[in-house]
C-alpha cells in the first residue's frame, strides 16, 4: 500500500491539538488553516503526509485540487470535531475502527469503509477502539457542490469497497502525482479527483439499487437515450416513449440512475465530447453539432462547467499528456 511514495512522516511525541499544531506543524510548509481553523482535535499516533502542490487561481476557480493528503495511524485518543471548514474530505479505513457522526447519524468505520463529507457542515469522527489507520484526502473545487449533493441523496456519506478495489488504486495514482513532478500536473490531479468522486458516486448508487430490477420500459428508454443523445430529447417525448407521465418518469429515472433524465443526457454528451476531443481534430463547433448542443458557445460553457477546462484547454492537455487510460474515461 503506497509503495515507493515518499511521505513526510511525523511521529507524535505529544498529542497534537489546535494549541500546538502551529508549533509542531506535521503537514510541512504553511499551516493548513482551512483544516485547523475552528477545529477541536487530538491527533495521537503518527502522520504520513504529502504536501499539496501550488495551484493557480484558474484551477481554484474552475477545477478540483488537493489541500492535504495523509495516512494516519492513530490510537484511542484521536478525534476531530469541527465545522465551517472550506474543504471536502474522503476518509478511508485500512485497519482498526473509527466512527463518524454527521448530520444526526452515526457511521461505524471498519477496514474497507469510507466516508465523503462536506467539512463546512458540523462533523465529528474518532477512533473506536485502540487503533485506527486511515487515509485522509482533503480537497476543494467549485464544481463539486452539485456533485456532492447528488452523492448524499443516494445513500448518505458512507461507502464501502475492498482495500484491493478501484478506489485505492486511484488514490495511489494520486499520491504519485502529488509526489513526482509531471507536465500539466494540475490538470491531471483535477481529472483524477473527478474520476475518484465519480467512481464513489457510481459504486454507491449501484449498491443502493442492488436487488432492484430496472423496469423494462426504463431499460429501453436508457438504451434509446444512449443511442440518440445527440437529438432533441424533451421530457414530453421521453415520457411518451416510456408510456408514463413526466412526473413518474422523473421520479423513477432518478431512483434507478441517480439523476434526472436531462442530466443523464448532458453527461452522455460531455462523455462523447471528451472522446471526440481526445481522438479527433474536429473543431469545437462541429463537435457541438454532433453531440446535440444548440451552439458552440453553449457547448463551451457547459463543457467548462462540467470538466473544469474549455474544449481547447482539454484537447491541449490530451495532446501533451497522451491518451487517457480506460479508468480515466469513466
C-alpha atoms as a PDB file:
ATOM      1  CA  UNK A   1       0.000   0.000   0.000  1.00  0.00           C
ATOM      2  CA  UNK A   2       1.510   3.312  -1.188  1.00  0.00           C
ATOM      3  CA  UNK A   3       4.780   1.570  -2.034  1.00  0.00           C
ATOM      4  CA  UNK A   4       7.633   3.856  -3.113  1.00  0.00           C
ATOM      5  CA  UNK A   5       5.745   7.029  -2.104  1.00  0.00           C
ATOM      6  CA  UNK A   6       7.995   9.440  -0.225  1.00  0.00           C
ATOM      7  CA  UNK A   7       5.802  10.662   2.583  1.00  0.00           C
ATOM      8  CA  UNK A   8       6.882  13.133   5.228  1.00  0.00           C
ATOM      9  CA  UNK A   9       6.393  11.145   8.422  1.00  0.00           C
ATOM     10  CA  UNK A  10       5.711  12.720  11.788  1.00  0.00           C
ATOM     11  CA  UNK A  11       5.645  10.551  14.913  1.00  0.00           C
ATOM     12  CA  UNK A  12       3.787  12.428  17.621  1.00  0.00           C
ATOM     13  CA  UNK A  13       5.703  12.792  20.850  1.00  0.00           C
ATOM     14  CA  UNK A  14       2.717  14.579  22.286  1.00  0.00           C
ATOM     15  CA  UNK A  15      -0.912  14.700  21.329  1.00  0.00           C
ATOM     16  CA  UNK A  16      -1.463  17.283  18.591  1.00  0.00           C
ATOM     17  CA  UNK A  17      -4.178  19.808  19.357  1.00  0.00           C
ATOM     18  CA  UNK A  18      -5.161  23.153  17.934  1.00  0.00           C
ATOM     19  CA  UNK A  19      -2.964  24.825  20.537  1.00  0.00           C
ATOM     20  CA  UNK A  20       0.294  23.174  19.482  1.00  0.00           C
ATOM     21  CA  UNK A  21      -0.377  22.432  15.798  1.00  0.00           C
ATOM     22  CA  UNK A  22       1.272  25.658  14.623  1.00  0.00           C
ATOM     23  CA  UNK A  23       4.456  24.871  16.558  1.00  0.00           C
ATOM     24  CA  UNK A  24       4.728  21.206  15.559  1.00  0.00           C
ATOM     25  CA  UNK A  25       3.233  21.552  12.036  1.00  0.00           C
ATOM     26  CA  UNK A  26       3.296  17.903  10.882  1.00  0.00           C
ATOM     27  CA  UNK A  27       1.964  18.739   7.414  1.00  0.00           C
ATOM     28  CA  UNK A  28       5.039  20.752   6.447  1.00  0.00           C
ATOM     29  CA  UNK A  29       5.049  24.162   4.779  1.00  0.00           C
ATOM     30  CA  UNK A  30       2.370  26.612   5.833  1.00  0.00           C
ATOM     31  CA  UNK A  31      -0.175  25.671   8.438  1.00  0.00           C
ATOM     32  CA  UNK A  32      -3.344  24.364   6.728  1.00  0.00           C
ATOM     33  CA  UNK A  33      -5.698  26.991   8.179  1.00  0.00           C
ATOM     34  CA  UNK A  34      -8.640  25.715   6.126  1.00  0.00           C
ATOM     35  CA  UNK A  35      -8.403  22.466   8.102  1.00  0.00           C
ATOM     36  CA  UNK A  36      -7.320  23.604  11.572  1.00  0.00           C
ATOM     37  CA  UNK A  37      -9.293  26.855  11.908  1.00  0.00           C
ATOM     38  CA  UNK A  38     -12.218  26.419  14.309  1.00  0.00           C
ATOM     39  CA  UNK A  39     -11.378  22.760  14.900  1.00  0.00           C
ATOM     40  CA  UNK A  40     -11.163  20.713  18.068  1.00  0.00           C
ATOM     41  CA  UNK A  41      -8.947  17.692  17.615  1.00  0.00           C
ATOM     42  CA  UNK A  42      -6.408  15.392  19.222  1.00  0.00           C
ATOM     43  CA  UNK A  43      -4.011  13.512  16.948  1.00  0.00           C
ATOM     44  CA  UNK A  44      -2.175  10.770  18.774  1.00  0.00           C
ATOM     45  CA  UNK A  45      -0.057   8.344  16.760  1.00  0.00           C
ATOM     46  CA  UNK A  46       1.766   9.201  13.534  1.00  0.00           C
ATOM     47  CA  UNK A  47       1.074  11.081  10.330  1.00  0.00           C
ATOM     48  CA  UNK A  48       2.460  10.338   6.873  1.00  0.00           C
ATOM     49  CA  UNK A  49       1.655  13.298   4.638  1.00  0.00           C
ATOM     50  CA  UNK A  50       2.257  14.696   1.173  1.00  0.00           C
ATOM     51  CA  UNK A  51       2.351  18.478   0.825  1.00  0.00           C
ATOM     52  CA  UNK A  52      -0.179  19.880  -1.616  1.00  0.00           C
ATOM     53  CA  UNK A  53       1.331  21.369  -4.756  1.00  0.00           C
ATOM     54  CA  UNK A  54       0.807  25.088  -5.519  1.00  0.00           C
ATOM     55  CA  UNK A  55      -2.299  25.685  -7.617  1.00  0.00           C
ATOM     56  CA  UNK A  56      -3.182  28.542  -9.918  1.00  0.00           C
ATOM     57  CA  UNK A  57      -6.141  30.865  -9.456  1.00  0.00           C
ATOM     58  CA  UNK A  58      -7.683  29.339 -12.572  1.00  0.00           C
ATOM     59  CA  UNK A  59      -7.535  25.872 -11.002  1.00  0.00           C
ATOM     60  CA  UNK A  60      -9.070  27.124  -7.766  1.00  0.00           C
ATOM     61  CA  UNK A  61     -11.878  28.730  -9.716  1.00  0.00           C
ATOM     62  CA  UNK A  62     -12.663  26.001 -12.235  1.00  0.00           C
ATOM     63  CA  UNK A  63     -11.079  22.672 -11.235  1.00  0.00           C
ATOM     64  CA  UNK A  64     -10.507  20.287  -8.339  1.00  0.00           C
ATOM     65  CA  UNK A  65      -7.332  20.464  -6.282  1.00  0.00           C
ATOM     66  CA  UNK A  66      -5.816  18.703  -3.258  1.00  0.00           C
ATOM     67  CA  UNK A  67      -5.426  20.586   0.011  1.00  0.00           C
ATOM     68  CA  UNK A  68      -3.761  17.819   2.056  1.00  0.00           C
ATOM     69  CA  UNK A  69      -3.318  14.082   1.738  1.00  0.00           C
ATOM     70  CA  UNK A  70      -2.189  11.932   4.651  1.00  0.00           C
ATOM     71  CA  UNK A  71      -2.207   8.390   6.019  1.00  0.00           C
ATOM     72  CA  UNK A  72      -2.719   8.330   9.766  1.00  0.00           C
ATOM     73  CA  UNK A  73      -2.118   5.630  12.371  1.00  0.00           C
ATOM     74  CA  UNK A  74      -3.994   6.781  15.464  1.00  0.00           C
ATOM     75  CA  UNK A  75      -4.578   5.424  18.945  1.00  0.00           C
ATOM     76  CA  UNK A  76      -7.624   5.654  21.193  1.00  0.00           C
ATOM     77  CA  UNK A  77      -7.067   9.364  21.935  1.00  0.00           C
ATOM     78  CA  UNK A  78      -7.632  10.503  18.355  1.00  0.00           C
ATOM     79  CA  UNK A  79     -10.641  12.610  17.402  1.00  0.00           C
ATOM     80  CA  UNK A  80     -11.619  15.541  15.173  1.00  0.00           C
ATOM     81  CA  UNK A  81     -14.582  17.835  15.720  1.00  0.00           C
ATOM     82  CA  UNK A  82     -15.181  20.858  13.525  1.00  0.00           C
ATOM     83  CA  UNK A  83     -17.417  22.848  11.182  1.00  0.00           C
ATOM     84  CA  UNK A  84     -17.110  25.721   8.702  1.00  0.00           C
ATOM     85  CA  UNK A  85     -14.015  24.132   7.177  1.00  0.00           C
ATOM     86  CA  UNK A  86     -13.779  25.020   3.472  1.00  0.00           C
ATOM     87  CA  UNK A  87     -12.921  21.503   2.351  1.00  0.00           C
ATOM     88  CA  UNK A  88     -14.331  18.168   1.270  1.00  0.00           C
ATOM     89  CA  UNK A  89     -12.951  15.043   2.934  1.00  0.00           C
ATOM     90  CA  UNK A  90     -12.796  11.428   1.771  1.00  0.00           C
ATOM     91  CA  UNK A  91     -11.597   9.241   4.639  1.00  0.00           C
ATOM     92  CA  UNK A  92     -10.937   5.518   4.097  1.00  0.00           C
ATOM     93  CA  UNK A  93     -10.153   2.886   6.755  1.00  0.00           C
ATOM     94  CA  UNK A  94      -7.397   0.247   6.449  1.00  0.00           C
ATOM     95  CA  UNK A  95      -7.057  -1.129   9.969  1.00  0.00           C
ATOM     96  CA  UNK A  96      -8.835  -0.828  13.299  1.00  0.00           C
ATOM     97  CA  UNK A  97     -12.093   1.007  13.791  1.00  0.00           C
ATOM     98  CA  UNK A  98     -13.455   4.532  13.894  1.00  0.00           C
ATOM     99  CA  UNK A  99     -16.826   6.235  13.897  1.00  0.00           C
ATOM    100  CA  UNK A 100     -18.274   9.275  12.113  1.00  0.00           C
ATOM    101  CA  UNK A 101     -21.102  11.426  13.439  1.00  0.00           C
ATOM    102  CA  UNK A 102     -22.606  13.564  10.681  1.00  0.00           C
ATOM    103  CA  UNK A 103     -25.980  15.226  10.225  1.00  0.00           C
ATOM    104  CA  UNK A 104     -27.523  13.451  13.206  1.00  0.00           C
ATOM    105  CA  UNK A 105     -26.407   9.930  12.284  1.00  0.00           C
ATOM    106  CA  UNK A 106     -23.543   7.651  13.300  1.00  0.00           C
ATOM    107  CA  UNK A 107     -21.455   5.677  10.786  1.00  0.00           C
ATOM    108  CA  UNK A 108     -19.105   2.951  12.128  1.00  0.00           C
ATOM    109  CA  UNK A 109     -15.857   2.660  10.156  1.00  0.00           C
ATOM    110  CA  UNK A 110     -14.101  -0.689   9.733  1.00  0.00           C
ATOM    111  CA  UNK A 111     -11.490  -1.837   7.167  1.00  0.00           C
ATOM    112  CA  UNK A 112     -12.921  -1.166   3.716  1.00  0.00           C
ATOM    113  CA  UNK A 113     -15.309   1.535   4.951  1.00  0.00           C
ATOM    114  CA  UNK A 114     -15.068   5.160   3.908  1.00  0.00           C
ATOM    115  CA  UNK A 115     -16.983   8.384   4.042  1.00  0.00           C
ATOM    116  CA  UNK A 116     -17.237  11.503   1.893  1.00  0.00           C
ATOM    117  CA  UNK A 117     -18.300  14.665   3.729  1.00  0.00           C
ATOM    118  CA  UNK A 118     -18.590  18.423   3.295  1.00  0.00           C
ATOM    119  CA  UNK A 119     -16.451  19.805   6.118  1.00  0.00           C
ATOM    120  CA  UNK A 120     -18.411  23.037   6.200  1.00  0.00           C
ATOM    121  CA  UNK A 121     -21.121  21.041   7.958  1.00  0.00           C
ATOM    122  CA  UNK A 122     -20.624  20.040  11.633  1.00  0.00           C
ATOM    123  CA  UNK A 123     -18.907  16.673  11.906  1.00  0.00           C
ATOM    124  CA  UNK A 124     -17.110  14.522  14.454  1.00  0.00           C
ATOM    125  CA  UNK A 125     -15.022  11.392  13.986  1.00  0.00           C
ATOM    126  CA  UNK A 126     -12.789   9.417  16.312  1.00  0.00           C
ATOM    127  CA  UNK A 127     -11.043   6.129  16.980  1.00  0.00           C
ATOM    128  CA  UNK A 128     -13.457   3.441  18.190  1.00  0.00           C
ATOM    129  CA  UNK A 129     -11.080   1.052  19.931  1.00  0.00           C
ATOM    130  CA  UNK A 130      -7.332   1.079  20.401  1.00  0.00           C
ATOM    131  CA  UNK A 131      -6.184   1.774  16.809  1.00  0.00           C
ATOM    132  CA  UNK A 132      -7.434   3.387  13.607  1.00  0.00           C
ATOM    133  CA  UNK A 133      -5.411   3.504  10.368  1.00  0.00           C
ATOM    134  CA  UNK A 134      -6.960   5.604   7.630  1.00  0.00           C
ATOM    135  CA  UNK A 135      -6.193   7.898   4.704  1.00  0.00           C
ATOM    136  CA  UNK A 136      -7.461  11.478   4.677  1.00  0.00           C
ATOM    137  CA  UNK A 137      -7.935  13.282   1.365  1.00  0.00           C
ATOM    138  CA  UNK A 138      -8.901  16.941   1.764  1.00  0.00           C
ATOM    139  CA  UNK A 139      -9.725  18.719  -1.492  1.00  0.00           C
ATOM    140  CA  UNK A 140     -11.758  21.540  -2.989  1.00  0.00           C
ATOM    141  CA  UNK A 141     -13.301  22.527  -6.287  1.00  0.00           C
ATOM    142  CA  UNK A 142     -16.158  24.886  -7.091  1.00  0.00           C
ATOM    143  CA  UNK A 143     -17.834  22.356  -9.422  1.00  0.00           C
ATOM    144  CA  UNK A 144     -18.108  19.898  -6.501  1.00  0.00           C
ATOM    145  CA  UNK A 145     -21.224  21.318  -4.807  1.00  0.00           C
ATOM    146  CA  UNK A 146     -23.904  19.786  -7.028  1.00  0.00           C
ATOM    147  CA  UNK A 147     -21.955  16.518  -7.373  1.00  0.00           C
ATOM    148  CA  UNK A 148     -21.706  16.165  -3.608  1.00  0.00           C
ATOM    149  CA  UNK A 149     -25.407  16.813  -3.082  1.00  0.00           C
ATOM    150  CA  UNK A 150     -26.172  14.140  -5.683  1.00  0.00           C
ATOM    151  CA  UNK A 151     -23.864  11.713  -3.860  1.00  0.00           C
ATOM    152  CA  UNK A 152     -25.502  12.314  -0.477  1.00  0.00           C
ATOM    153  CA  UNK A 153     -29.000  11.978  -1.920  1.00  0.00           C
ATOM    154  CA  UNK A 154     -28.262   8.349  -2.839  1.00  0.00           C
ATOM    155  CA  UNK A 155     -27.055   6.735   0.352  1.00  0.00           C
ATOM    156  CA  UNK A 156     -25.641   9.303   2.779  1.00  0.00           C
ATOM    157  CA  UNK A 157     -21.915   9.968   3.268  1.00  0.00           C
ATOM    158  CA  UNK A 158     -20.717   6.378   3.755  1.00  0.00           C
ATOM    159  CA  UNK A 159     -19.374   3.963   1.146  1.00  0.00           C
ATOM    160  CA  UNK A 160     -17.703   0.579   1.244  1.00  0.00           C
ATOM    161  CA  UNK A 161     -15.116  -1.008  -1.050  1.00  0.00           C
ATOM    162  CA  UNK A 162     -12.364  -3.648  -0.599  1.00  0.00           C
ATOM    163  CA  UNK A 163      -8.861  -2.330   0.048  1.00  0.00           C
ATOM    164  CA  UNK A 164      -7.862  -4.083  -3.189  1.00  0.00           C
ATOM    165  CA  UNK A 165     -10.558  -2.197  -5.104  1.00  0.00           C
ATOM    166  CA  UNK A 166     -10.504   0.629  -7.604  1.00  0.00           C
ATOM    167  CA  UNK A 167     -10.682   3.474  -5.085  1.00  0.00           C
ATOM    168  CA  UNK A 168      -7.368   2.524  -3.508  1.00  0.00           C
ATOM    169  CA  UNK A 169      -5.794   2.096  -6.939  1.00  0.00           C
ATOM    170  CA  UNK A 170      -6.806   5.630  -7.941  1.00  0.00           C
ATOM    171  CA  UNK A 171      -5.718   7.003  -4.567  1.00  0.00           C
ATOM    172  CA  UNK A 172      -2.230   5.603  -5.100  1.00  0.00           C
ATOM    173  CA  UNK A 173      -2.094   7.201  -8.564  1.00  0.00           C
ATOM    174  CA  UNK A 174      -2.990  10.485  -6.915  1.00  0.00           C
ATOM    175  CA  UNK A 175      -0.193  10.049  -4.375  1.00  0.00           C
ATOM    176  CA  UNK A 176       2.280   9.575  -7.237  1.00  0.00           C
ATOM    177  CA  UNK A 177       1.085  12.777  -8.920  1.00  0.00           C
ATOM    178  CA  UNK A 178       1.486  14.681  -5.659  1.00  0.00           C
ATOM    179  CA  UNK A 179       4.988  13.364  -5.023  1.00  0.00           C
ATOM    180  CA  UNK A 180       6.549  13.464  -8.525  1.00  0.00           C
ATOM    181  CA  UNK A 181       6.536  16.428 -10.910  1.00  0.00           C
ATOM    182  CA  UNK A 182       4.944  15.928 -14.318  1.00  0.00           C
ATOM    183  CA  UNK A 183       3.799  18.342 -17.064  1.00  0.00           C
ATOM    184  CA  UNK A 184       0.268  19.686 -16.664  1.00  0.00           C
ATOM    185  CA  UNK A 185       0.089  18.134 -13.221  1.00  0.00           C
ATOM    186  CA  UNK A 186      -2.771  20.395 -12.090  1.00  0.00           C
ATOM    187  CA  UNK A 187      -4.968  19.116 -14.938  1.00  0.00           C
ATOM    188  CA  UNK A 188      -4.041  15.503 -14.202  1.00  0.00           C
ATOM    189  CA  UNK A 189      -4.816  15.871 -10.498  1.00  0.00           C
ATOM    190  CA  UNK A 190      -8.122  17.593 -11.204  1.00  0.00           C
ATOM    191  CA  UNK A 191      -9.111  14.893 -13.673  1.00  0.00           C
ATOM    192  CA  UNK A 192      -8.159  12.113 -11.259  1.00  0.00           C
ATOM    193  CA  UNK A 193     -10.070  13.729  -8.382  1.00  0.00           C
ATOM    194  CA  UNK A 194     -13.096  13.955 -10.659  1.00  0.00           C
ATOM    195  CA  UNK A 195     -12.736  10.261 -11.519  1.00  0.00           C
ATOM    196  CA  UNK A 196     -12.379   9.322  -7.841  1.00  0.00           C
ATOM    197  CA  UNK A 197     -15.576  11.155  -6.923  1.00  0.00           C
ATOM    198  CA  UNK A 198     -17.383   9.736  -9.959  1.00  0.00           C
ATOM    199  CA  UNK A 199     -16.305   6.209  -9.022  1.00  0.00           C
ATOM    200  CA  UNK A 200     -17.613   6.608  -5.465  1.00  0.00           C
ATOM    201  CA  UNK A 201     -20.844   8.129  -6.776  1.00  0.00           C
ATOM    202  CA  UNK A 202     -21.416   5.302  -9.259  1.00  0.00           C
ATOM    203  CA  UNK A 203     -20.477   2.469  -6.890  1.00  0.00           C
ATOM    204  CA  UNK A 204     -22.625   3.901  -4.092  1.00  0.00           C
ATOM    205  CA  UNK A 205     -25.536   4.278  -6.492  1.00  0.00           C
ATOM    206  CA  UNK A 206     -25.126   0.686  -7.655  1.00  0.00           C
ATOM    207  CA  UNK A 207     -25.055  -0.597  -4.066  1.00  0.00           C
ATOM    208  CA  UNK A 208     -28.112   1.475  -3.169  1.00  0.00           C
ATOM    209  CA  UNK A 209     -30.012  -0.039  -6.101  1.00  0.00           C
ATOM    210  CA  UNK A 210     -28.761  -3.587  -5.527  1.00  0.00           C
ATOM    211  CA  UNK A 211     -31.600  -6.048  -5.759  1.00  0.00           C
ATOM    212  CA  UNK A 212     -33.851  -3.563  -7.542  1.00  0.00           C
ATOM    213  CA  UNK A 213     -34.741  -4.643 -11.062  1.00  0.00           C
ATOM    214  CA  UNK A 214     -34.903  -1.744 -13.518  1.00  0.00           C
ATOM    215  CA  UNK A 215     -38.336  -1.765 -15.202  1.00  0.00           C
ATOM    216  CA  UNK A 216     -38.286  -2.908 -18.827  1.00  0.00           C
ATOM    217  CA  UNK A 217     -39.689   0.336 -20.238  1.00  0.00           C
ATOM    218  CA  UNK A 218     -36.969   2.284 -18.427  1.00  0.00           C
ATOM    219  CA  UNK A 219     -34.248  -0.037 -19.748  1.00  0.00           C
ATOM    220  CA  UNK A 220     -35.499   0.536 -23.293  1.00  0.00           C
ATOM    221  CA  UNK A 221     -35.567   4.292 -22.695  1.00  0.00           C
ATOM    222  CA  UNK A 222     -32.000   4.377 -21.367  1.00  0.00           C
ATOM    223  CA  UNK A 223     -30.780   2.392 -24.356  1.00  0.00           C
ATOM    224  CA  UNK A 224     -32.604   4.784 -26.691  1.00  0.00           C
ATOM    225  CA  UNK A 225     -31.074   7.819 -24.947  1.00  0.00           C
ATOM    226  CA  UNK A 226     -27.574   6.367 -25.180  1.00  0.00           C
ATOM    227  CA  UNK A 227     -28.031   5.800 -28.923  1.00  0.00           C
ATOM    228  CA  UNK A 228     -29.782   9.133 -29.664  1.00  0.00           C
ATOM    229  CA  UNK A 229     -28.326  11.571 -27.108  1.00  0.00           C
ATOM    230  CA  UNK A 230     -27.463  13.954 -29.985  1.00  0.00           C
ATOM    231  CA  UNK A 231     -31.143  14.525 -30.802  1.00  0.00           C
ATOM    232  CA  UNK A 232     -33.503  16.936 -29.056  1.00  0.00           C
ATOM    233  CA  UNK A 233     -34.994  14.721 -26.353  1.00  0.00           C
ATOM    234  CA  UNK A 234     -37.655  16.625 -24.427  1.00  0.00           C
ATOM    235  CA  UNK A 235     -39.162  15.287 -21.211  1.00  0.00           C
ATOM    236  CA  UNK A 236     -42.524  15.090 -23.008  1.00  0.00           C
ATOM    237  CA  UNK A 237     -41.020  12.861 -25.699  1.00  0.00           C
ATOM    238  CA  UNK A 238     -39.199  10.649 -23.157  1.00  0.00           C
ATOM    239  CA  UNK A 239     -42.375  10.234 -21.108  1.00  0.00           C
ATOM    240  CA  UNK A 240     -44.359   9.315 -24.225  1.00  0.00           C
ATOM    241  CA  UNK A 241     -41.638   6.826 -25.235  1.00  0.00           C
ATOM    242  CA  UNK A 242     -41.843   5.222 -21.770  1.00  0.00           C
ATOM    243  CA  UNK A 243     -45.619   5.206 -21.604  1.00  0.00           C
ATOM    244  CA  UNK A 244     -45.746   7.001 -18.249  1.00  0.00           C
ATOM    245  CA  UNK A 245     -46.290  10.549 -17.008  1.00  0.00           C
ATOM    246  CA  UNK A 246     -43.470  13.088 -16.858  1.00  0.00           C
ATOM    247  CA  UNK A 247     -43.648  13.192 -13.061  1.00  0.00           C
ATOM    248  CA  UNK A 248     -43.477   9.395 -12.747  1.00  0.00           C
ATOM    249  CA  UNK A 249     -40.643   9.199 -15.284  1.00  0.00           C
ATOM    250  CA  UNK A 250     -38.562  11.801 -13.455  1.00  0.00           C
ATOM    251  CA  UNK A 251     -39.024  10.019 -10.146  1.00  0.00           C
ATOM    252  CA  UNK A 252     -38.294   6.529 -11.500  1.00  0.00           C
ATOM    253  CA  UNK A 253     -35.330   7.661 -13.592  1.00  0.00           C
ATOM    254  CA  UNK A 254     -33.699   9.342 -10.599  1.00  0.00           C
ATOM    255  CA  UNK A 255     -34.383   6.272  -8.463  1.00  0.00           C
ATOM    256  CA  UNK A 256     -32.531   3.903 -10.774  1.00  0.00           C
ATOM    257  CA  UNK A 257     -30.000   6.186 -12.485  1.00  0.00           C
ATOM    258  CA  UNK A 258     -29.229   8.606  -9.677  1.00  0.00           C
ATOM    259  CA  UNK A 259     -30.029  11.726 -11.737  1.00  0.00           C
ATOM    260  CA  UNK A 260     -32.866  13.298 -13.785  1.00  0.00           C
ATOM    261  CA  UNK A 261     -33.226  12.414 -17.497  1.00  0.00           C
ATOM    262  CA  UNK A 262     -31.960  15.837 -18.604  1.00  0.00           C
ATOM    263  CA  UNK A 263     -28.811  15.454 -16.513  1.00  0.00           C
ATOM    264  CA  UNK A 264     -28.163  11.984 -17.959  1.00  0.00           C
ATOM    265  CA  UNK A 265     -28.365  13.394 -21.492  1.00  0.00           C
ATOM    266  CA  UNK A 266     -25.837  16.110 -20.602  1.00  0.00           C
ATOM    267  CA  UNK A 267     -23.482  13.501 -19.153  1.00  0.00           C
ATOM    268  CA  UNK A 268     -23.755  11.418 -22.329  1.00  0.00           C
ATOM    269  CA  UNK A 269     -22.994  14.463 -24.469  1.00  0.00           C
ATOM    270  CA  UNK A 270     -19.983  15.505 -22.377  1.00  0.00           C
ATOM    271  CA  UNK A 271     -18.639  11.945 -22.331  1.00  0.00           C
ATOM    272  CA  UNK A 272     -18.783  11.765 -26.131  1.00  0.00           C
ATOM    273  CA  UNK A 273     -17.358  15.277 -26.461  1.00  0.00           C
ATOM    274  CA  UNK A 274     -14.332  14.187 -24.415  1.00  0.00           C
ATOM    275  CA  UNK A 275     -13.868  11.185 -26.683  1.00  0.00           C
ATOM    276  CA  UNK A 276     -14.007  13.330 -29.838  1.00  0.00           C
ATOM    277  CA  UNK A 277     -11.617  15.931 -28.405  1.00  0.00           C
ATOM    278  CA  UNK A 278      -9.144  13.212 -27.438  1.00  0.00           C
ATOM    279  CA  UNK A 279      -9.285  11.224 -30.647  1.00  0.00           C
ATOM    280  CA  UNK A 280     -10.067  13.655 -33.491  1.00  0.00           C
ATOM    281  CA  UNK A 281      -9.029  17.078 -34.778  1.00  0.00           C
ATOM    282  CA  UNK A 282     -12.607  18.251 -35.318  1.00  0.00           C
ATOM    283  CA  UNK A 283     -13.245  21.866 -34.241  1.00  0.00           C
ATOM    284  CA  UNK A 284     -15.424  22.582 -31.231  1.00  0.00           C
ATOM    285  CA  UNK A 285     -18.266  23.917 -33.387  1.00  0.00           C
ATOM    286  CA  UNK A 286     -18.569  20.665 -35.294  1.00  0.00           C
ATOM    287  CA  UNK A 287     -18.367  18.584 -32.124  1.00  0.00           C
ATOM    288  CA  UNK A 288     -21.120  20.724 -30.614  1.00  0.00           C
ATOM    289  CA  UNK A 289     -23.423  19.838 -33.503  1.00  0.00           C
ATOM    290  CA  UNK A 290     -22.527  16.155 -33.398  1.00  0.00           C
ATOM    291  CA  UNK A 291     -23.405  15.775 -29.708  1.00  0.00           C
ATOM    292  CA  UNK A 292     -26.647  17.747 -29.933  1.00  0.00           C
ATOM    293  CA  UNK A 293     -25.665  21.095 -28.428  1.00  0.00           C
ATOM    294  CA  UNK A 294     -27.537  24.095 -29.831  1.00  0.00           C
ATOM    295  CA  UNK A 295     -24.448  26.221 -30.392  1.00  0.00           C
ATOM    296  CA  UNK A 296     -20.689  26.212 -29.981  1.00  0.00           C
ATOM    297  CA  UNK A 297     -20.928  28.782 -27.188  1.00  0.00           C
ATOM    298  CA  UNK A 298     -23.366  26.677 -25.157  1.00  0.00           C
ATOM    299  CA  UNK A 299     -21.114  23.648 -25.690  1.00  0.00           C
ATOM    300  CA  UNK A 300     -18.014  25.512 -24.494  1.00  0.00           C
ATOM    301  CA  UNK A 301     -19.847  26.884 -21.462  1.00  0.00           C
ATOM    302  CA  UNK A 302     -21.305  23.505 -20.473  1.00  0.00           C
ATOM    303  CA  UNK A 303     -18.055  21.627 -21.079  1.00  0.00           C
ATOM    304  CA  UNK A 304     -16.049  24.088 -18.979  1.00  0.00           C
ATOM    305  CA  UNK A 305     -18.567  23.890 -16.143  1.00  0.00           C
ATOM    306  CA  UNK A 306     -18.562  20.078 -16.135  1.00  0.00           C
ATOM    307  CA  UNK A 307     -14.923  19.303 -16.911  1.00  0.00           C
ATOM    308  CA  UNK A 308     -13.145  22.351 -15.485  1.00  0.00           C
ATOM    309  CA  UNK A 309     -11.499  23.368 -18.766  1.00  0.00           C
ATOM    310  CA  UNK A 310     -12.583  24.651 -22.161  1.00  0.00           C
ATOM    311  CA  UNK A 311     -12.615  22.144 -25.053  1.00  0.00           C
ATOM    312  CA  UNK A 312      -9.409  23.755 -26.367  1.00  0.00           C
ATOM    313  CA  UNK A 313      -7.669  23.503 -22.982  1.00  0.00           C
ATOM    314  CA  UNK A 314      -8.814  19.913 -22.597  1.00  0.00           C
ATOM    315  CA  UNK A 315      -7.526  18.955 -26.061  1.00  0.00           C
ATOM    316  CA  UNK A 316      -4.195  20.661 -25.364  1.00  0.00           C
ATOM    317  CA  UNK A 317      -3.816  18.665 -22.180  1.00  0.00           C
ATOM    318  CA  UNK A 318      -4.595  15.460 -24.062  1.00  0.00           C
ATOM    319  CA  UNK A 319      -2.082  16.311 -26.793  1.00  0.00           C
ATOM    320  CA  UNK A 320       0.719  16.861 -24.300  1.00  0.00           C
ATOM    321  CA  UNK A 321      -0.129  14.085 -21.836  1.00  0.00           C
ATOM    322  CA  UNK A 322      -1.004  11.240 -24.204  1.00  0.00           C
ATOM    323  CA  UNK A 323      -4.223   9.220 -24.386  1.00  0.00           C
ATOM    324  CA  UNK A 324      -6.275   8.785 -21.245  1.00  0.00           C
ATOM    325  CA  UNK A 325      -6.416   5.237 -19.924  1.00  0.00           C
ATOM    326  CA  UNK A 326      -9.630   3.273 -19.639  1.00  0.00           C
ATOM    327  CA  UNK A 327     -10.170   4.244 -15.997  1.00  0.00           C
ATOM    328  CA  UNK A 328      -9.983   7.938 -16.837  1.00  0.00           C
ATOM    329  CA  UNK A 329     -12.701   7.607 -19.489  1.00  0.00           C
ATOM    330  CA  UNK A 330     -15.368   6.723 -16.955  1.00  0.00           C
END
